[in-house]
Amino acid sequence: MSSGLPVSLCMIARNEEHWIASCIQSVQHLVREIVVVDTGSTDRTKEVAAQSGARVFTFHWCDDFAAARNYSLSKATGDWILVLDADEILAPVKLEEFARLLDAPGVEGYFVKIRSYLGNGEGMAEDQVVRLFRNKPAYRFAGAIHEQVAGAIIKHNAGGGLAFSDLLIYHFGYLDRHLQVKNKHQRNICVIKKALDDKPDDPFLLYSLGIEHLQCGEIKKGIEQLEKALVFMRGNEGYFRDLLLTLCLGLFRTGQRDRLTFLLDGALSMLPADPDLHLLKGLLALHDGRCDTAIEELRFALTVGAQILPPYHIHALLGDSYNLLGQYGEAEDEYFNALLLAPHMLYPLTQILGLKQRGRGRLQWQALSRFASPSRKKALYKELCKLGELPLAMVLALLILVEPANSRNCRELIETCREYRLMVEQYLANRPGQEPLGNYLLTGASGMLLYASAVQRNLECGLFSFVQGLLRLASSALELVVMGLCPSWSPALLNSLTFGERIDLDAKGAHRQSSPAETVHTKRIPVVPLAPGDHGSRS
């Protein structure tokens, strides 16, 4: 390679013709040599790799990632080795910054952050893995699955030799479309079971097998393997905390709350400040109706930084806890905090509207409208219209119209007024019997459009303000739509919660109240991110 840096890129690959060129291109300016070991491709992986400048070798797959990885190392000639998988790319880094890592005294290898994108690409997990290290015969990978090189480096450097870098790798192999094509989980399960034939009591292999089962949706099998692994663990393993957390998630998902309570008590005695364990404890308390305890635990998890649910979701759960306690002001505050963090999350918006329906809301319409920009609210109500959720779409359109800051954006005002009137017409066309309320809303919609047109033309009418007239009509329409057209909303988030799945309350499903399970739109992700430590390839 043209850079002249004494680095060999080493990767193993199989059927990666669509990814491998991008992987190589991301590091071509940094490395002198590219080594690709093909483990049985039936597509054009080898040809694409060769065209990208790689030396390509063939390795007979033997259900052992470490063996394949070490074969690639044996072909490297550089002083340093950079390990990537074909479905990864290295984030941009300057040549001189990369060179400084190679010149650092006393460093034999570097941890590199790997950011894995999950599901449809909206979720992610991060891990620190040794991927850059000196090319020495003693530094070889171990482990048939989740192969590791860190142990060898530490062993030959009296417990040291490793440092952390600012390098970042983007990993796309856990996207749904990639998993489905390559059937990775079943492949990994076969590899792990073969390794367990030789080491049936290996806790890391049992843990890895449990994770694969959970990621396949085989929750009971996953729990069984995690419990087996726990028997053989000492408690100082790098993945001990993740095993406990994953097991807790599995027990929750299968409704085994008594066992979960017992496990949580034991886990918190060992990890008393763990925010995710406190989050689980808080949600158990909320499930049991102990809302004061739930608030305490959820607040701790939010403050310390829980990872299994995003902050906006925890704010929404806090809102439900306060709501059920009858502390409506605090509930409204938490729901609004959730909206500010995630404007697409419509569940807390429906709960704020539910408080108004019960005469418990204190937030003024103009203040509520500030949870998102007009363009964001417009995108949301257009999506809701496509889904046929017209009352909530009307609310979002009207929240645009009550914003004082938009009184000067006449073009947007007129467009929103027209779209709102069309929503009302569409809603009434399919719902006979709503004529009195519908006629009032249509009259108000026409009045708002008239006022918006007057504002655009800079018309004046004595002491009457067209801007204020528009705001009054929009506020009145909001009250009517929320009280007369929207369903009754009350706390239902916990009933729909499935641990191990990130819940994204977007335009889909936020409206339905008839079935709690339909109150949210869920996007499945693996139960737990990759365990901390030096995990290897999953290509």
Protein backbone atom coordinates (compact mmCIF):
# COMPACT_ATOMS: atom_id res chain seq x y z
CA MET A 1 0.00 0.00 0.00
CA SER A 2 1.11 3.54 -0.68
CA SER A 3 1.20 4.73 2.91
CA GLY A 4 4.34 2.81 3.80
CA LEU A 5 3.09 2.08 7.32
CA PRO A 6 4.20 -1.39 8.41
CA VAL A 7 0.67 -2.67 8.97
CA SER A 8 -1.08 -5.75 7.58
CA LEU A 9 -4.87 -5.78 7.39
CA CYS A 10 -6.01 -9.33 8.18
CA MET A 11 -9.57 -10.55 7.72
CA ILE A 12 -11.47 -13.77 7.26
CA ALA A 13 -14.52 -13.73 5.02
CA ARG A 14 -17.21 -15.88 3.50
CA ASN A 15 -19.83 -14.68 1.01
CA GLU A 16 -19.14 -11.00 1.64
CA GLU A 17 -19.05 -9.71 -1.95
CA HIS A 18 -21.32 -6.78 -1.10
CA TRP A 19 -19.28 -5.58 1.91
CA ILE A 20 -15.62 -6.43 1.47
CA ALA A 21 -14.65 -3.66 -0.96
CA SER A 22 -15.95 -0.95 1.39
CA CYS A 23 -14.07 -2.54 4.28
CA ILE A 24 -10.78 -2.52 2.37
CA GLN A 25 -11.30 1.00 1.06
CA SER A 26 -11.72 2.33 4.60
CA VAL A 27 -8.11 1.37 5.50
CA GLN A 28 -6.20 1.37 2.22
CA HIS A 29 -4.41 4.62 3.08
CA LEU A 30 -3.20 3.18 6.40
CA VAL A 31 -1.89 -0.29 5.63
CA ARG A 32 0.88 -1.72 3.50
CA GLU A 33 -0.67 -5.14 3.01
CA ILE A 34 -4.14 -6.69 2.84
CA VAL A 35 -4.58 -10.36 3.70
CA VAL A 36 -7.98 -11.95 3.06
CA VAL A 37 -8.60 -15.56 4.07
CA ASP A 38 -11.69 -16.99 2.41
CA THR A 39 -13.45 -19.75 4.37
CA GLY A 40 -15.66 -21.11 1.61
CA SER A 41 -17.36 -18.35 -0.36
CA THR A 42 -19.76 -19.27 -3.15
CA ASP A 43 -20.10 -15.71 -4.42
CA ARG A 44 -17.51 -13.25 -5.80
CA THR A 45 -15.86 -12.44 -2.46
CA LYS A 46 -12.41 -13.64 -3.54
CA GLU A 47 -12.56 -11.81 -6.86
CA VAL A 48 -13.71 -8.54 -5.28
CA ALA A 49 -11.00 -8.79 -2.61
CA ALA A 50 -8.30 -9.38 -5.21
CA GLN A 51 -9.53 -6.47 -7.31
CA SER A 52 -9.28 -4.30 -4.19
CA GLY A 53 -5.60 -5.14 -3.79
CA ALA A 54 -5.75 -8.05 -1.35
CA ARG A 55 -3.66 -11.19 -1.22
CA VAL A 56 -6.31 -13.89 -1.08
CA PHE A 57 -5.89 -17.29 0.59
CA THR A 58 -8.28 -20.20 1.10
CA PHE A 59 -8.89 -21.92 4.44
CA HIS A 60 -10.99 -25.04 4.93
CA TRP A 61 -13.66 -24.11 7.48
CA CYS A 62 -13.46 -26.28 10.61
CA ASP A 63 -15.99 -24.57 12.91
CA ASP A 64 -13.17 -22.68 14.63
CA PHE A 65 -12.89 -18.91 14.22
CA ALA A 66 -9.57 -18.73 16.04
CA ALA A 67 -7.99 -21.25 13.67
CA ALA A 68 -9.12 -19.28 10.64
CA ARG A 69 -8.03 -16.01 12.19
CA ASN A 70 -4.59 -17.35 13.10
CA TYR A 71 -4.12 -18.63 9.56
CA SER A 72 -4.59 -15.07 8.33
CA LEU A 73 -2.00 -13.84 10.84
CA SER A 74 0.49 -16.41 9.55
CA LYS A 75 0.34 -14.78 6.11
CA ALA A 76 0.96 -11.23 7.38
CA THR A 77 4.37 -9.61 6.84
CA GLY A 78 3.82 -6.23 8.51
CA ASP A 79 5.16 -5.21 11.92
CA TRP A 80 1.61 -4.55 13.09
CA ILE A 81 -1.69 -6.29 12.39
CA LEU A 82 -5.07 -4.62 12.02
CA VAL A 83 -8.01 -7.04 12.20
CA LEU A 84 -11.32 -6.24 10.54
CA ASP A 85 -14.29 -8.29 9.42
CA ALA A 86 -15.65 -7.80 5.93
CA ASP A 87 -18.89 -6.30 7.26
CA GLU A 88 -16.97 -3.60 9.14
CA ILE A 89 -15.35 -0.33 8.15
CA LEU A 90 -12.85 1.77 10.04
CA ALA A 91 -14.05 5.29 10.81
CA PRO A 92 -11.92 7.97 9.10
CA VAL A 93 -8.57 8.55 10.80
CA LYS A 94 -5.63 10.66 9.68
CA LEU A 95 -2.47 8.86 8.65
CA GLU A 96 -0.32 10.74 11.16
CA GLU A 97 -2.70 9.92 14.03
CA PHE A 98 -2.63 6.25 13.12
CA ALA A 99 1.17 6.33 12.86
CA ARG A 100 1.46 7.74 16.39
CA LEU A 101 -0.26 4.63 17.74
CA LEU A 102 2.41 2.46 16.15
CA ASP A 103 5.23 4.54 17.64
CA ALA A 104 3.95 4.54 21.24
CA PRO A 105 6.56 2.92 23.53
CA GLY A 106 5.61 -0.13 25.56
CA VAL A 107 2.33 -0.78 23.76
CA GLU A 108 1.82 -4.20 22.20
CA GLY A 109 -1.83 -3.86 21.25
CA TYR A 110 -4.81 -1.52 21.30
CA PHE A 111 -8.44 -1.81 22.25
CA VAL A 112 -10.63 -0.41 19.49
CA LYS A 113 -14.26 0.62 19.96
CA ILE A 114 -16.68 -1.39 17.82
CA ARG A 115 -20.09 0.12 17.20
CA SER A 116 -22.51 -2.56 16.03
CA TYR A 117 -25.73 -1.44 14.38
CA LEU A 118 -28.71 -3.60 15.30
CA GLY A 119 -32.07 -4.54 13.87
CA ASN A 120 -33.12 -2.04 11.24
CA GLY A 121 -30.16 0.22 12.00
CA GLU A 122 -31.67 2.44 14.70
CA GLY A 123 -30.29 0.46 17.64
CA MET A 124 -26.63 -0.01 18.43
CA ALA A 125 -24.24 -1.67 20.87
CA GLU A 126 -20.63 -0.79 21.59
CA ASP A 127 -17.72 -2.93 22.70
CA GLN A 128 -13.97 -2.55 23.22
CA VAL A 129 -11.94 -5.17 21.37
CA VAL A 130 -8.21 -5.64 20.68
CA ARG A 131 -7.95 -5.25 16.90
CA LEU A 132 -4.55 -3.56 16.42
CA PHE A 133 -1.45 -5.34 17.76
CA ARG A 134 2.15 -6.16 16.96
CA ASN A 135 2.81 -9.07 14.62
CA LYS A 136 4.48 -11.59 16.90
CA PRO A 137 4.17 -15.40 16.76
CA ALA A 138 3.12 -15.49 20.41
CA TYR A 139 0.11 -13.27 19.77
CA ARG A 140 -2.53 -15.63 18.49
CA PHE A 141 -6.29 -15.90 18.87
CA ALA A 142 -7.95 -18.43 21.15
CA GLY A 143 -11.56 -19.60 21.24
CA ALA A 144 -13.68 -21.34 18.64
CA ILE A 145 -16.29 -18.56 19.00
CA HIS A 146 -15.78 -14.91 19.97
CA GLU A 147 -12.08 -15.53 19.45
CA GLN A 148 -9.73 -13.40 21.54
CA VAL A 149 -6.15 -12.23 21.23
CA ALA A 150 -5.97 -10.03 24.32
CA GLY A 151 -5.23 -12.98 26.59
CA ALA A 152 -2.11 -13.93 24.66
CA ILE A 153 -0.79 -10.37 24.71
CA ILE A 154 -1.41 -10.00 28.44
CA LYS A 155 0.17 -13.39 29.16
CA HIS A 156 3.43 -12.48 27.39
CA ASN A 157 3.65 -8.99 28.90
CA ALA A 158 3.27 -9.69 32.62
CA GLY A 159 -0.36 -8.61 32.64
CA GLY A 160 0.19 -5.46 30.59
CA GLY A 161 0.94 -4.43 27.04
CA LEU A 162 -2.51 -3.17 26.09
CA ALA A 163 -3.80 0.39 25.74
CA PHE A 164 -6.98 2.07 24.56
CA SER A 165 -7.14 3.94 21.27
CA ASP A 166 -9.56 6.44 19.74
CA LEU A 167 -10.09 4.23 16.71
CA LEU A 168 -13.69 3.36 15.87
CA ILE A 169 -15.01 0.47 13.79
CA TYR A 170 -18.54 0.43 12.39
CA HIS A 171 -20.01 -3.09 12.32
CA PHE A 172 -23.05 -3.85 10.14
CA GLY A 173 -23.24 -7.62 10.56
CA TYR A 174 -26.07 -7.50 13.12
CA LEU A 175 -28.49 -5.68 10.86
CA ASP A 176 -31.59 -7.80 10.33
CA ARG A 177 -31.09 -8.16 6.60
CA HIS A 178 -27.52 -9.37 7.10
CA LEU A 179 -28.44 -11.86 9.82
CA GLN A 180 -31.24 -13.33 7.73
CA VAL A 181 -29.06 -13.81 4.67
CA LYS A 182 -26.15 -15.40 6.53
CA ASN A 183 -28.09 -17.24 9.26
CA LYS A 184 -25.36 -16.22 11.69
CA HIS A 185 -27.02 -17.32 14.90
CA GLN A 186 -27.51 -20.92 13.79
CA ARG A 187 -23.96 -21.02 12.47
CA ASN A 188 -22.63 -19.75 15.80
CA ILE A 189 -24.75 -22.24 17.74
CA CYS A 190 -23.21 -25.09 15.76
CA VAL A 191 -19.70 -23.78 16.39
CA ILE A 192 -20.29 -23.38 20.13
CA LYS A 193 -21.88 -26.81 20.55
CA LYS A 194 -18.91 -28.40 18.84
CA ALA A 195 -16.54 -26.58 21.20
CA LEU A 196 -18.65 -27.66 24.20
CA ASP A 197 -18.08 -31.30 23.28
CA ASP A 198 -14.47 -30.77 24.38
CA LYS A 199 -15.18 -28.28 27.20
CA PRO A 200 -18.70 -28.96 28.55
CA ASP A 201 -18.13 -26.89 31.70
CA ASP A 202 -16.63 -23.81 30.00
CA PRO A 203 -18.72 -20.90 31.33
CA PHE A 204 -17.86 -18.57 28.47
CA LEU A 205 -18.99 -21.09 25.88
CA LEU A 206 -22.21 -21.70 27.82
CA TYR A 207 -22.74 -17.95 28.11
CA SER A 208 -22.13 -17.50 24.38
CA LEU A 209 -24.58 -20.29 23.57
CA GLY A 210 -27.20 -18.68 25.79
CA ILE A 211 -26.76 -15.34 24.03
CA GLU A 212 -27.17 -16.93 20.61
CA HIS A 213 -30.38 -18.69 21.68
CA LEU A 214 -31.77 -15.45 23.09
CA GLN A 215 -30.94 -13.55 19.92
CA CYS A 216 -32.80 -16.23 17.95
CA GLY A 217 -35.85 -15.74 20.17
CA GLU A 218 -35.32 -19.09 21.91
CA ILE A 219 -35.60 -17.53 25.34
CA LYS A 220 -36.11 -20.63 27.49
CA LYS A 221 -33.10 -22.34 25.90
CA GLY A 222 -31.07 -19.19 26.46
CA ILE A 223 -32.02 -19.02 30.14
CA GLU A 224 -31.08 -22.68 30.58
CA GLN A 225 -27.57 -22.13 29.18
CA LEU A 226 -26.99 -18.94 31.16
CA GLU A 227 -27.95 -20.69 34.39
CA LYS A 228 -25.51 -23.50 33.56
CA ALA A 229 -22.76 -20.97 32.93
CA LEU A 230 -23.43 -19.23 36.24
CA VAL A 231 -22.71 -22.45 38.15
CA PHE A 232 -19.14 -22.56 36.81
CA MET A 233 -18.29 -18.85 37.22
CA ARG A 234 -16.12 -17.28 39.90
CA GLY A 235 -17.60 -13.79 39.65
CA ASN A 236 -14.50 -12.00 38.37
CA GLU A 237 -15.06 -12.75 34.69
CA GLY A 238 -15.34 -9.79 32.36
CA TYR A 239 -18.76 -10.95 31.19
CA PHE A 240 -20.15 -11.80 34.65
CA ARG A 241 -22.23 -8.65 34.93
CA ASP A 242 -23.64 -9.05 31.43
CA LEU A 243 -24.60 -12.65 32.14
CA LEU A 244 -26.50 -11.62 35.26
CA LEU A 245 -28.26 -8.82 33.42
CA THR A 246 -29.10 -10.99 30.42
CA LEU A 247 -30.48 -13.70 32.69
CA CYS A 248 -32.63 -11.12 34.47
CA LEU A 249 -33.97 -9.92 31.13
CA GLY A 250 -34.78 -13.45 30.08
CA LEU A 251 -36.66 -14.15 33.30
CA PHE A 252 -38.67 -11.00 32.88
CA ARG A 253 -39.53 -11.81 29.29
CA THR A 254 -40.85 -15.22 30.34
CA GLY A 255 -42.83 -13.82 33.26
CA GLN A 256 -40.78 -15.56 35.97
CA ARG A 257 -40.95 -12.63 38.35
CA ASP A 258 -40.37 -14.57 41.57
CA ARG A 259 -37.13 -16.00 40.21
CA LEU A 260 -36.24 -12.58 38.84
CA THR A 261 -36.74 -10.98 42.26
CA PHE A 262 -34.48 -13.58 43.87
CA LEU A 263 -31.79 -13.14 41.21
CA LEU A 264 -31.98 -9.34 41.38
CA ASP A 265 -31.50 -9.34 45.14
CA GLY A 266 -28.38 -11.48 44.77
CA ALA A 267 -27.04 -9.47 41.85
CA LEU A 268 -27.52 -6.14 43.64
CA SER A 269 -25.69 -7.48 46.69
CA MET A 270 -22.65 -7.91 44.42
CA LEU A 271 -23.24 -4.90 42.15
CA PRO A 272 -25.09 -2.41 44.37
CA ALA A 273 -24.61 0.60 42.08
CA ASP A 274 -25.47 -1.06 38.77
CA PRO A 275 -28.05 1.20 37.06
CA ASP A 276 -29.58 -1.48 34.86
CA LEU A 277 -30.24 -3.77 37.81
CA HIS A 278 -31.92 -0.86 39.60
CA LEU A 279 -33.96 -0.21 36.46
CA LEU A 280 -35.20 -3.79 36.50
CA LYS A 281 -36.01 -3.52 40.18
CA GLY A 282 -37.93 -0.32 39.53
CA LEU A 283 -39.99 -1.88 36.79
CA LEU A 284 -40.80 -4.86 38.97
CA ALA A 285 -41.99 -2.43 41.63
CA LEU A 286 -44.10 -0.59 39.06
CA HIS A 287 -45.60 -3.89 37.96
CA ASP A 288 -46.53 -4.66 41.58
CA GLY A 289 -48.06 -1.21 42.08
CA ARG A 290 -45.31 0.01 44.42
CA CYS A 291 -44.98 3.30 42.58
CA ASP A 292 -42.93 5.11 45.25
CA THR A 293 -40.26 2.41 45.07
CA ALA A 294 -40.48 2.40 41.29
CA ILE A 295 -39.80 6.14 41.16
CA GLU A 296 -36.80 5.81 43.47
CA GLU A 297 -35.26 2.99 41.44
CA LEU A 298 -36.04 4.50 38.04
CA ARG A 299 -34.62 7.86 39.12
CA PHE A 300 -31.40 6.17 40.24
CA ALA A 301 -31.15 4.29 36.93
CA LEU A 302 -31.70 7.49 34.98
CA THR A 303 -29.17 9.48 36.99
CA VAL A 304 -26.41 6.87 36.91
CA GLY A 305 -27.01 5.94 33.28
CA ALA A 306 -28.90 2.73 32.56
CA GLN A 307 -28.24 1.17 29.16
CA ILE A 308 -31.02 -1.34 28.53
CA LEU A 309 -33.57 1.43 27.96
CA PRO A 310 -32.88 4.92 26.59
CA PRO A 311 -33.35 7.96 28.86
CA TYR A 312 -36.54 9.10 27.13
CA HIS A 313 -38.12 5.73 27.82
CA ILE A 314 -37.24 5.92 31.51
CA HIS A 315 -38.72 9.43 31.70
CA ALA A 316 -41.95 8.04 30.23
CA LEU A 317 -41.99 5.24 32.82
CA LEU A 318 -41.43 7.80 35.56
CA GLY A 319 -44.38 9.69 34.12
CA ASP A 320 -46.52 6.58 34.41
CA SER A 321 -45.38 6.03 37.99
CA TYR A 322 -46.31 9.56 39.04
CA ASN A 323 -49.54 9.35 37.06
CA LEU A 324 -50.63 6.20 38.88
CA LEU A 325 -49.76 7.84 42.20
CA GLY A 326 -51.97 10.80 41.37
CA GLN A 327 -49.03 13.21 41.23
CA TYR A 328 -50.14 14.64 37.92
CA GLY A 329 -47.87 17.66 37.75
CA GLU A 330 -44.77 15.51 38.17
CA ALA A 331 -46.17 13.02 35.66
CA GLU A 332 -46.67 15.75 33.09
CA ASP A 333 -43.13 17.01 33.63
CA GLU A 334 -41.66 13.55 33.03
CA TYR A 335 -43.75 12.95 29.93
CA PHE A 336 -42.65 16.30 28.54
CA ASN A 337 -39.00 15.47 29.31
CA ALA A 338 -39.43 12.28 27.30
CA LEU A 339 -40.92 14.25 24.41
CA LEU A 340 -38.05 16.72 24.40
CA LEU A 341 -35.51 13.89 24.21
CA ALA A 342 -37.40 11.94 21.55
CA PRO A 343 -40.03 13.98 19.67
CA HIS A 344 -40.98 10.91 17.62
CA MET A 345 -42.03 9.07 20.79
CA LEU A 346 -45.75 9.76 20.82
CA TYR A 347 -46.66 7.71 23.90
CA PRO A 348 -45.83 10.53 26.36
CA LEU A 349 -47.73 12.98 24.16
CA THR A 350 -50.82 10.80 24.41
CA GLN A 351 -50.39 10.66 28.19
CA ILE A 352 -50.18 14.46 28.42
CA LEU A 353 -53.37 14.61 26.37
CA GLY A 354 -54.87 11.97 28.66
CA LEU A 355 -54.16 14.19 31.67
CA LYS A 356 -55.96 17.04 29.90
CA GLN A 357 -58.90 14.73 29.20
CA ARG A 358 -59.21 14.09 32.93
CA GLY A 359 -58.80 17.75 33.85
CA ARG A 360 -55.36 17.09 35.37
CA GLY A 361 -53.11 18.77 32.81
CA ARG A 362 -51.55 22.14 33.52
CA LEU A 363 -49.27 22.51 30.50
CA GLN A 364 -50.52 25.21 28.13
CA TRP A 365 -50.85 24.39 24.45
CA GLN A 366 -48.15 26.84 23.40
CA ALA A 367 -45.71 25.34 25.90
CA LEU A 368 -46.54 21.81 24.77
CA SER A 369 -46.02 22.77 21.13
CA ARG A 370 -42.34 23.39 21.79
CA PHE A 371 -41.51 19.69 22.16
CA ALA A 372 -40.54 19.55 18.48
CA SER A 373 -39.91 21.84 15.53
CA PRO A 374 -42.79 22.58 13.13
CA SER A 375 -41.12 20.49 10.43
CA ARG A 376 -40.81 17.53 12.82
CA LYS A 377 -44.44 17.79 13.86
CA LYS A 378 -45.47 18.07 10.22
CA ALA A 379 -43.56 14.89 9.34
CA LEU A 380 -45.25 13.11 12.25
CA TYR A 381 -48.77 14.15 11.33
CA LYS A 382 -48.23 13.19 7.70
CA GLU A 383 -47.15 9.73 8.82
CA LEU A 384 -50.16 9.46 11.11
CA CYS A 385 -52.45 10.43 8.25
CA LYS A 386 -51.03 7.56 6.19
CA LEU A 387 -51.82 5.24 9.08
CA GLY A 388 -55.36 6.58 9.36
CA GLU A 389 -54.76 8.09 12.81
CA LEU A 390 -56.47 11.37 12.06
CA PRO A 391 -57.34 12.69 15.56
CA LEU A 392 -53.72 12.56 16.74
CA ALA A 393 -52.61 13.97 13.38
CA MET A 394 -55.02 16.88 13.92
CA VAL A 395 -53.50 17.51 17.35
CA LEU A 396 -50.01 17.78 15.86
CA ALA A 397 -51.17 20.12 13.10
CA LEU A 398 -52.93 22.35 15.62
CA LEU A 399 -49.84 22.39 17.84
CA ILE A 400 -48.01 23.95 14.90
CA LEU A 401 -50.71 26.61 14.58
CA VAL A 402 -50.58 27.64 18.24
CA GLU A 403 -46.86 28.40 18.15
CA PRO A 404 -46.30 32.17 18.36
CA ALA A 405 -43.00 31.81 16.54
CA ASN A 406 -44.87 30.65 13.45
CA SER A 407 -47.11 33.69 13.22
CA ARG A 408 -44.61 35.24 10.81
CA ASN A 409 -44.23 32.12 8.62
CA CYS A 410 -47.34 32.77 6.58
CA ARG A 411 -46.73 30.17 3.92
CA GLU A 412 -46.41 27.43 6.53
CA LEU A 413 -49.46 28.69 8.38
CA ILE A 414 -51.64 28.54 5.29
CA GLU A 415 -50.35 25.12 4.27
CA THR A 416 -50.93 23.69 7.75
CA CYS A 417 -54.42 25.21 7.92
CA ARG A 418 -55.35 23.60 4.62
CA GLU A 419 -53.96 20.23 5.64
CA TYR A 420 -55.75 20.40 8.99
CA ARG A 421 -59.08 21.16 7.29
CA LEU A 422 -58.52 18.21 4.95
CA MET A 423 -57.91 15.94 7.97
CA VAL A 424 -61.21 17.05 9.51
CA GLU A 425 -63.06 16.42 6.25
CA GLN A 426 -61.52 12.95 5.88
CA TYR A 427 -62.32 12.04 9.46
CA LEU A 428 -65.96 13.10 9.20
CA ALA A 429 -66.47 11.41 5.82
CA ASN A 430 -66.11 8.00 7.45
CA ARG A 431 -67.87 8.75 10.73
CA PRO A 432 -71.54 9.70 10.42
CA GLY A 433 -73.14 11.06 13.55
CA GLN A 434 -70.35 13.52 14.35
CA GLU A 435 -72.03 16.38 12.46
CA PRO A 436 -72.42 18.93 15.31
CA LEU A 437 -68.82 18.70 16.45
CA GLY A 438 -67.58 18.16 12.91
CA ASN A 439 -69.35 21.21 11.56
CA TYR A 440 -67.89 23.33 14.34
CA LEU A 441 -64.38 22.03 13.58
CA LEU A 442 -64.83 22.66 9.85
CA THR A 443 -66.03 26.19 10.52
CA GLY A 444 -63.05 26.79 12.79
CA ALA A 445 -60.68 25.35 10.16
CA SER A 446 -62.06 27.73 7.55
CA GLY A 447 -61.70 30.61 10.00
CA MET A 448 -58.07 29.72 10.69
CA LEU A 449 -57.33 29.62 6.96
CA LEU A 450 -59.01 33.01 6.54
CA TYR A 451 -56.98 34.52 9.39
CA ALA A 452 -53.74 33.01 8.05
CA SER A 453 -54.44 34.54 4.63
CA ALA A 454 -55.06 37.91 6.27
CA VAL A 455 -51.76 37.65 8.12
CA GLN A 456 -49.98 36.85 4.85
CA ARG A 457 -51.44 40.00 3.25
CA ASN A 458 -50.57 42.16 6.27
CA LEU A 459 -54.22 43.14 6.65
CA GLU A 460 -55.28 45.12 9.72
CA CYS A 461 -58.68 45.36 11.36
CA GLY A 462 -58.57 48.00 14.05
CA LEU A 463 -57.92 46.50 17.44
CA PHE A 464 -58.52 42.94 16.21
CA SER A 465 -55.39 40.83 15.71
CA PHE A 466 -55.63 38.14 13.04
CA VAL A 467 -52.65 36.39 14.62
CA GLN A 468 -54.34 36.22 18.00
CA GLY A 469 -57.58 35.17 16.37
CA LEU A 470 -55.79 32.27 14.72
CA LEU A 471 -54.20 31.24 18.01
CA ARG A 472 -57.57 31.32 19.79
CA LEU A 473 -59.26 29.21 17.12
CA ALA A 474 -56.41 26.68 17.12
CA SER A 475 -56.46 26.41 20.92
CA SER A 476 -60.22 25.93 20.93
CA ALA A 477 -59.95 23.27 18.23
CA LEU A 478 -57.30 21.44 20.27
CA GLU A 479 -59.64 21.22 23.24
CA LEU A 480 -62.44 19.87 21.05
CA VAL A 481 -60.32 17.31 19.21
CA VAL A 482 -58.69 16.00 22.39
CA MET A 483 -61.94 15.81 24.34
CA GLY A 484 -64.28 14.81 21.52
CA LEU A 485 -62.36 12.79 18.94
CA CYS A 486 -59.33 11.23 20.64
CA PRO A 487 -59.60 7.97 22.61
CA SER A 488 -59.16 8.04 26.38
CA TRP A 489 -55.50 7.68 27.23
CA SER A 490 -54.12 6.34 30.51
CA PRO A 491 -50.80 4.73 31.57
CA ALA A 492 -50.14 1.50 29.68
CA LEU A 493 -46.43 1.46 28.91
CA LEU A 494 -45.42 -1.19 31.44
CA ASN A 495 -48.05 -3.61 30.14
CA SER A 496 -46.42 -3.42 26.72
CA LEU A 497 -42.83 -3.58 27.90
CA THR A 498 -40.73 -6.56 26.88
CA PHE A 499 -37.25 -6.51 28.33
CA GLY A 500 -34.43 -7.03 25.94
CA GLU A 501 -36.30 -5.11 23.26
CA ARG A 502 -35.82 -1.44 22.67
CA ILE A 503 -39.25 0.14 22.52
CA ASP A 504 -39.60 3.03 20.14
CA LEU A 505 -42.93 4.78 20.50
CA ASP A 506 -43.22 6.42 17.14
CA ALA A 507 -46.13 7.22 14.90
CA LYS A 508 -47.26 3.61 14.76
CA GLY A 509 -49.40 2.26 17.54
CA ALA A 510 -49.23 5.29 19.82
CA HIS A 511 -52.95 5.91 19.51
CA ARG A 512 -54.59 2.64 20.40
CA GLN A 513 -55.99 2.26 23.88
CA SER A 514 -58.12 -0.85 23.45
CA SER A 515 -55.18 -3.23 23.83
CA PRO A 516 -52.11 -2.36 25.92
CA ALA A 517 -49.99 -4.62 23.76
CA GLU A 518 -50.77 -2.34 20.83
CA THR A 519 -49.85 0.86 22.62
CA VAL A 520 -46.27 0.81 21.41
CA HIS A 521 -44.32 -0.02 18.31
CA THR A 522 -41.49 -2.38 19.19
CA LYS A 523 -38.27 -3.00 17.36
CA ARG A 524 -36.45 -6.14 18.45
CA ILE A 525 -32.74 -5.99 19.19
CA PRO A 526 -30.45 -8.59 20.73
CA VAL A 527 -31.14 -9.07 24.41
CA VAL A 528 -27.84 -7.63 25.55
CA PRO A 529 -24.91 -5.95 23.84
CA LEU A 530 -21.71 -7.90 23.33
CA ALA A 531 -19.99 -8.66 26.59
CA PRO A 532 -17.14 -6.31 27.57
CA GLY A 533 -13.75 -7.63 26.70
CA ASP A 534 -11.98 -8.82 23.61
CA HIS A 535 -14.59 -10.50 21.45
CA GLY A 536 -13.68 -11.41 17.97
CA SER A 537 -15.28 -12.03 14.61
CA ARG A 538 -18.91 -12.69 13.93
CA SER A 539 -18.67 -12.48 10.17
